[in-house]
Amino acid sequence: MANSKGRISTAHAHVTDGIKMAIRRGITSIEHAMMMADECIEIMVKHGVYLVPTIIAATKIIGMGSAGGLAKEKVEKAMMCVARHGENL
């Protein structure tokens, strides 16, 4: 569906369910994918779907940290995302 008109399409998705849904609908690339499971990588390869990772945002959140006025929970979530994203890449 997504590329039924012969156009490139992209989806902004972070987690496994959203990524799989976008791939099933014919998306060309996935943006972000911070929390995807390994199965997504296999499905992306099978369907020729590109990954455009987003690393800088979470890295900046960690760098600013609580000293920058960010909530501890946000910093912890960013750390979790960077760790998981690193495994995927």
C-alpha atoms as a PDB file:
ATOM      1  CA  MET A   1       0.000   0.000   0.000  1.00  0.00           C
ATOM      2  CA  ALA A   2       2.572   2.554   1.101  1.00  0.00           C
ATOM      3  CA  ASN A   3       4.535   2.455  -2.136  1.00  0.00           C
ATOM      4  CA  SER A   4       1.715   1.338  -4.443  1.00  0.00           C
ATOM      5  CA  LYS A   5       2.155   4.468  -6.573  1.00  0.00           C
ATOM      6  CA  GLY A   6       5.857   3.734  -7.068  1.00  0.00           C
ATOM      7  CA  ARG A   7       6.972   6.338  -4.540  1.00  0.00           C
ATOM      8  CA  ILE A   8       9.421   6.081  -1.700  1.00  0.00           C
ATOM      9  CA  SER A   9       7.717   6.070   1.677  1.00  0.00           C
ATOM     10  CA  THR A  10       8.950   6.286   5.229  1.00  0.00           C
ATOM     11  CA  ALA A  11       7.519   5.607   8.663  1.00  0.00           C
ATOM     12  CA  HIS A  12       8.545   7.051  11.999  1.00  0.00           C
ATOM     13  CA  ALA A  13       8.434   4.071  14.344  1.00  0.00           C
ATOM     14  CA  HIS A  14      10.267   3.132  17.517  1.00  0.00           C
ATOM     15  CA  VAL A  15       8.884  -0.227  18.634  1.00  0.00           C
ATOM     16  CA  THR A  16       8.480  -3.667  17.100  1.00  0.00           C
ATOM     17  CA  ASP A  17       4.723  -3.635  16.486  1.00  0.00           C
ATOM     18  CA  GLY A  18       4.779  -0.318  14.638  1.00  0.00           C
ATOM     19  CA  ILE A  19       7.774  -1.340  12.557  1.00  0.00           C
ATOM     20  CA  LYS A  20       6.219  -4.661  11.560  1.00  0.00           C
ATOM     21  CA  MET A  21       2.942  -2.947  10.687  1.00  0.00           C
ATOM     22  CA  ALA A  22       4.729  -0.427   8.454  1.00  0.00           C
ATOM     23  CA  ILE A  23       6.675  -3.173   6.682  1.00  0.00           C
ATOM     24  CA  ARG A  24       3.497  -5.180   6.055  1.00  0.00           C
ATOM     25  CA  ARG A  25       2.028  -2.084   4.438  1.00  0.00           C
ATOM     26  CA  GLY A  26       4.948  -1.707   2.020  1.00  0.00           C
ATOM     27  CA  ILE A  27       7.024   1.068   3.582  1.00  0.00           C
ATOM     28  CA  THR A  28      10.436   1.841   2.032  1.00  0.00           C
ATOM     29  CA  SER A  29      12.293   2.908   5.176  1.00  0.00           C
ATOM     30  CA  ILE A  30      11.896   3.073   8.932  1.00  0.00           C
ATOM     31  CA  GLU A  31      13.036   6.157  10.824  1.00  0.00           C
ATOM     32  CA  HIS A  32      14.247   5.866  14.438  1.00  0.00           C
ATOM     33  CA  ALA A  33      13.533   2.197  15.440  1.00  0.00           C
ATOM     34  CA  MET A  34      15.074   2.774  18.858  1.00  0.00           C
ATOM     35  CA  MET A  35      13.358  -0.188  20.518  1.00  0.00           C
ATOM     36  CA  MET A  36      12.900  -2.742  17.748  1.00  0.00           C
ATOM     37  CA  ALA A  37      13.350  -6.466  18.347  1.00  0.00           C
ATOM     38  CA  ASP A  38      15.772  -8.606  16.360  1.00  0.00           C
ATOM     39  CA  GLU A  39      12.881 -10.057  14.359  1.00  0.00           C
ATOM     40  CA  CYS A  40      12.367  -6.622  12.782  1.00  0.00           C
ATOM     41  CA  ILE A  41      15.890  -6.686  11.381  1.00  0.00           C
ATOM     42  CA  GLU A  42      15.211 -10.013   9.688  1.00  0.00           C
ATOM     43  CA  ILE A  43      11.904  -8.766   8.254  1.00  0.00           C
ATOM     44  CA  MET A  44      13.504  -5.534   7.048  1.00  0.00           C
ATOM     45  CA  VAL A  45      16.242  -7.453   5.239  1.00  0.00           C
ATOM     46  CA  LYS A  46      13.698  -9.813   3.677  1.00  0.00           C
ATOM     47  CA  HIS A  47      11.609  -6.896   2.353  1.00  0.00           C
ATOM     48  CA  GLY A  48      14.509  -4.585   1.450  1.00  0.00           C
ATOM     49  CA  VAL A  49      13.445  -1.933   3.962  1.00  0.00           C
ATOM     50  CA  TYR A  50      16.032   0.663   4.954  1.00  0.00           C
ATOM     51  CA  LEU A  51      16.745   1.810   8.510  1.00  0.00           C
ATOM     52  CA  VAL A  52      17.452   5.479   9.226  1.00  0.00           C
ATOM     53  CA  PRO A  53      18.584   5.408  12.857  1.00  0.00           C
ATOM     54  CA  THR A  54      18.241   8.355  15.201  1.00  0.00           C
ATOM     55  CA  ILE A  55      21.051   8.447  17.698  1.00  0.00           C
ATOM     56  CA  ILE A  56      21.710  12.122  18.400  1.00  0.00           C
ATOM     57  CA  ALA A  57      18.462  12.950  20.235  1.00  0.00           C
ATOM     58  CA  ALA A  58      18.835  10.359  22.995  1.00  0.00           C
ATOM     59  CA  THR A  59      22.565  11.021  23.234  1.00  0.00           C
ATOM     60  CA  LYS A  60      21.910  14.727  23.800  1.00  0.00           C
ATOM     61  CA  ILE A  61      19.302  13.928  26.479  1.00  0.00           C
ATOM     62  CA  ILE A  62      21.861  11.783  28.300  1.00  0.00           C
ATOM     63  CA  GLY A  63      24.508  14.489  27.909  1.00  0.00           C
ATOM     64  CA  MET A  64      22.252  17.180  29.361  1.00  0.00           C
ATOM     65  CA  GLY A  65      20.958  14.912  32.081  1.00  0.00           C
ATOM     66  CA  SER A  66      19.400  16.051  35.293  1.00  0.00           C
ATOM     67  CA  ALA A  67      21.876  18.945  35.480  1.00  0.00           C
ATOM     68  CA  GLY A  68      20.213  20.279  32.335  1.00  0.00           C
ATOM     69  CA  GLY A  69      16.832  20.227  34.042  1.00  0.00           C
ATOM     70  CA  LEU A  70      15.602  16.936  32.590  1.00  0.00           C
ATOM     71  CA  ALA A  71      13.638  14.485  34.691  1.00  0.00           C
ATOM     72  CA  LYS A  72      15.592  11.449  35.886  1.00  0.00           C
ATOM     73  CA  GLU A  73      13.058   9.151  34.158  1.00  0.00           C
ATOM     74  CA  LYS A  74      13.672  10.815  30.782  1.00  0.00           C
ATOM     75  CA  VAL A  75      17.418  10.368  31.118  1.00  0.00           C
ATOM     76  CA  GLU A  76      16.980   6.712  32.117  1.00  0.00           C
ATOM     77  CA  LYS A  77      14.682   6.089  29.143  1.00  0.00           C
ATOM     78  CA  ALA A  78      17.190   7.725  26.803  1.00  0.00           C
ATOM     79  CA  MET A  79      19.928   5.495  28.204  1.00  0.00           C
ATOM     80  CA  MET A  80      17.761   2.436  27.620  1.00  0.00           C
ATOM     81  CA  CYS A  81      17.033   3.543  24.045  1.00  0.00           C
ATOM     82  CA  VAL A  82      20.701   4.158  23.236  1.00  0.00           C
ATOM     83  CA  ALA A  83      21.696   0.765  24.651  1.00  0.00           C
ATOM     84  CA  ARG A  84      18.977  -1.064  22.677  1.00  0.00           C
ATOM     85  CA  HIS A  85      19.653   0.931  19.524  1.00  0.00           C
ATOM     86  CA  GLY A  86      23.355   0.104  19.795  1.00  0.00           C
ATOM     87  CA  GLU A  87      22.520  -3.604  19.917  1.00  0.00           C
ATOM     88  CA  ASN A  88      20.406  -3.283  16.765  1.00  0.00           C
ATOM     89  CA  LEU A  89      23.017  -1.402  14.800  1.00  0.00           C
END
